Amino acid sequence: METHRVEILMVDDDIGDIEFTRDVLADHRIANRMTVLTDGNSAWHYLRRDPPYAEAARPDLLLLDLNLPGIDGLTLLDLIRADDALRDLRVAVLTTAPVDESILRRRGVPAHCYLLKPVDFERLVEVVRQVDEFHLQVERRA
């Protein structure tokens, strides 16, 4: 079975969490592309492919921190769910504490789609594998 690269967009303003997540993926030789943005406004423009992101790849998975400068994560979720072109985007909420399930449900995110920070590799793999017809690609080195 042929696999496809999952395009991951991580939106988080904590450089430590970003580097930790990159290190976890690198340590496990994950070949999928991860784009990182550090604020909600940039994320919204990226998702809509507004300039300067007109050529941006549409992500298959959004790793979204809730506490962002500019547009916060919850507002970004609302915007995504209200946009016909984006409402089917898979979102995994990144949080430092358990999130109220009702808040996630109201915004169209299944309660099982959140990850406690720092991101645990096995849990990240679970979430990525839920993306329809896609799988993590692990580099095989001789």
Protein backbone atom coordinates (compact mmCIF):
# COMPACT_ATOMS: atom_id res chain seq x y z
CA MET A 1 0.00 0.00 0.00
CA GLU A 2 1.37 3.38 -0.99
CA THR A 3 1.63 5.94 1.79
CA HIS A 4 1.35 9.71 1.50
CA ARG A 5 3.24 12.33 3.42
CA VAL A 6 1.11 14.01 6.02
CA GLU A 7 1.47 17.79 5.93
CA ILE A 8 1.52 18.96 9.55
CA LEU A 9 0.98 22.57 10.57
CA MET A 10 2.00 23.29 14.17
CA VAL A 11 0.79 26.58 15.64
CA ASP A 12 2.42 27.26 18.98
CA ASP A 13 4.21 30.27 20.42
CA ASP A 14 6.33 28.29 22.88
CA ILE A 15 9.73 27.77 21.24
CA GLY A 16 10.58 25.04 23.77
CA ASP A 17 7.47 23.04 22.83
CA ILE A 18 8.16 23.52 19.13
CA GLU A 19 11.75 22.32 19.46
CA PHE A 20 10.70 19.40 21.66
CA THR A 21 8.12 18.28 19.08
CA ARG A 22 10.67 18.61 16.25
CA ASP A 23 13.19 16.60 18.28
CA VAL A 24 10.63 13.88 18.99
CA LEU A 25 9.83 13.58 15.28
CA ALA A 26 13.53 13.62 14.34
CA ASP A 27 14.43 11.04 17.00
CA HIS A 28 11.84 8.70 15.51
CA ARG A 29 12.97 9.52 11.96
CA ILE A 30 9.60 10.87 10.91
CA ALA A 31 9.80 12.13 7.32
CA ASN A 32 6.54 14.06 7.27
CA ARG A 33 6.81 17.79 6.72
CA MET A 34 5.98 20.07 9.63
CA THR A 35 5.46 23.79 9.13
CA VAL A 36 5.50 25.94 12.28
CA LEU A 37 3.76 29.25 12.90
CA THR A 38 3.80 31.10 16.22
CA ASP A 39 0.57 33.11 16.22
CA GLY A 40 -3.09 32.71 15.35
CA ASN A 41 -3.21 35.49 12.78
CA SER A 42 -0.45 33.92 10.68
CA ALA A 43 -2.12 30.51 11.01
CA TRP A 44 -5.42 31.87 9.73
CA HIS A 45 -3.75 33.53 6.73
CA TYR A 46 -1.74 30.36 6.06
CA LEU A 47 -4.86 28.17 6.13
CA ARG A 48 -6.70 30.53 3.78
CA ARG A 49 -3.59 30.83 1.59
CA ASP A 50 -3.60 34.59 1.86
CA PRO A 51 -0.35 36.35 0.90
CA PRO A 52 2.40 35.62 1.74
CA TYR A 53 1.14 32.02 2.02
CA ALA A 54 -0.49 31.72 -1.43
CA GLU A 55 1.67 28.69 -2.29
CA ALA A 56 1.34 27.00 1.10
CA ALA A 57 0.50 23.32 1.16
CA ARG A 58 -2.86 22.56 2.74
CA PRO A 59 -2.13 20.75 5.99
CA ASP A 60 -3.64 17.35 6.69
CA LEU A 61 -3.23 17.89 10.41
CA LEU A 62 -3.18 21.04 12.52
CA LEU A 63 -1.41 20.84 15.90
CA LEU A 64 -2.94 23.83 17.64
CA ASP A 65 -2.00 25.46 20.92
CA LEU A 66 -4.94 27.22 22.56
CA ASN A 67 -2.96 30.10 24.07
CA LEU A 68 -1.72 32.07 21.09
CA PRO A 69 -0.98 35.73 20.46
CA GLY A 70 -3.38 37.40 18.04
CA ILE A 71 -6.25 35.09 17.25
CA ASP A 72 -6.34 32.55 20.09
CA GLY A 73 -6.69 28.83 19.48
CA LEU A 74 -10.38 28.60 20.39
CA THR A 75 -11.27 31.45 18.05
CA LEU A 76 -9.17 29.87 15.31
CA LEU A 77 -11.12 26.63 15.80
CA ASP A 78 -14.37 28.55 15.36
CA LEU A 79 -13.09 30.20 12.18
CA ILE A 80 -11.96 26.86 10.75
CA ARG A 81 -15.30 25.18 11.48
CA ALA A 82 -17.21 28.09 9.90
CA ASP A 83 -15.16 27.95 6.68
CA ASP A 84 -16.48 25.48 4.08
CA ALA A 85 -13.00 24.89 2.66
CA LEU A 86 -11.43 24.19 6.07
CA ARG A 87 -14.11 22.59 8.23
CA ASP A 88 -12.89 19.05 7.51
CA LEU A 89 -9.31 19.83 8.59
CA ARG A 90 -8.07 17.47 11.31
CA VAL A 91 -7.13 19.40 14.42
CA ALA A 92 -5.24 18.15 17.47
CA VAL A 93 -5.35 20.66 20.30
CA LEU A 94 -2.10 21.09 22.23
CA THR A 95 -2.61 21.87 25.88
CA THR A 96 -0.72 21.90 29.14
CA ALA A 97 -3.79 20.83 31.11
CA PRO A 98 -6.85 18.66 30.45
CA VAL A 99 -9.32 20.59 28.32
CA ASP A 100 -13.05 20.77 29.03
CA GLU A 101 -14.64 18.31 26.58
CA SER A 102 -17.68 20.52 26.10
CA ILE A 103 -15.50 23.40 24.86
CA LEU A 104 -13.88 21.12 22.30
CA ARG A 105 -17.19 19.60 21.17
CA ARG A 106 -18.77 23.03 20.65
CA ARG A 107 -15.92 23.82 18.30
CA GLY A 108 -16.20 20.58 16.35
CA VAL A 109 -13.14 18.86 17.81
CA PRO A 110 -13.67 15.34 19.15
CA ALA A 111 -12.50 15.17 22.77
CA HIS A 112 -9.93 12.49 21.91
CA CYS A 113 -8.14 14.93 19.60
CA TYR A 114 -6.04 16.76 22.10
CA LEU A 115 -2.48 16.22 23.20
CA LEU A 116 -0.95 17.17 26.50
CA LYS A 117 2.32 19.06 26.22
CA PRO A 118 5.09 18.15 26.00
CA VAL A 119 3.89 16.00 23.13
CA ASP A 120 4.22 12.26 23.65
CA PHE A 121 5.38 10.51 20.47
CA GLU A 122 3.05 7.51 20.77
CA ARG A 123 0.02 9.77 21.29
CA LEU A 124 1.07 11.93 18.33
CA VAL A 125 1.30 8.81 16.15
CA GLU A 126 -2.24 7.84 17.24
CA VAL A 127 -3.61 11.23 16.22
CA VAL A 128 -1.74 11.34 12.90
CA ARG A 129 -2.93 7.84 12.01
CA GLN A 130 -6.51 9.04 12.38
CA VAL A 131 -5.99 11.30 9.37
CA ASP A 132 -7.86 9.58 6.52
CA GLU A 133 -5.67 7.40 4.28
CA PHE A 134 -2.42 8.89 5.58
CA HIS A 135 0.34 7.49 7.73
CA LEU A 136 3.54 8.73 9.24
CA GLN A 137 6.47 8.02 6.98
CA VAL A 138 9.53 6.75 8.77
CA GLU A 139 12.81 7.05 6.91
CA ARG A 140 14.47 3.69 6.47
CA ARG A 141 18.24 4.02 6.50
CA ALA A 142 20.58 1.25 5.44
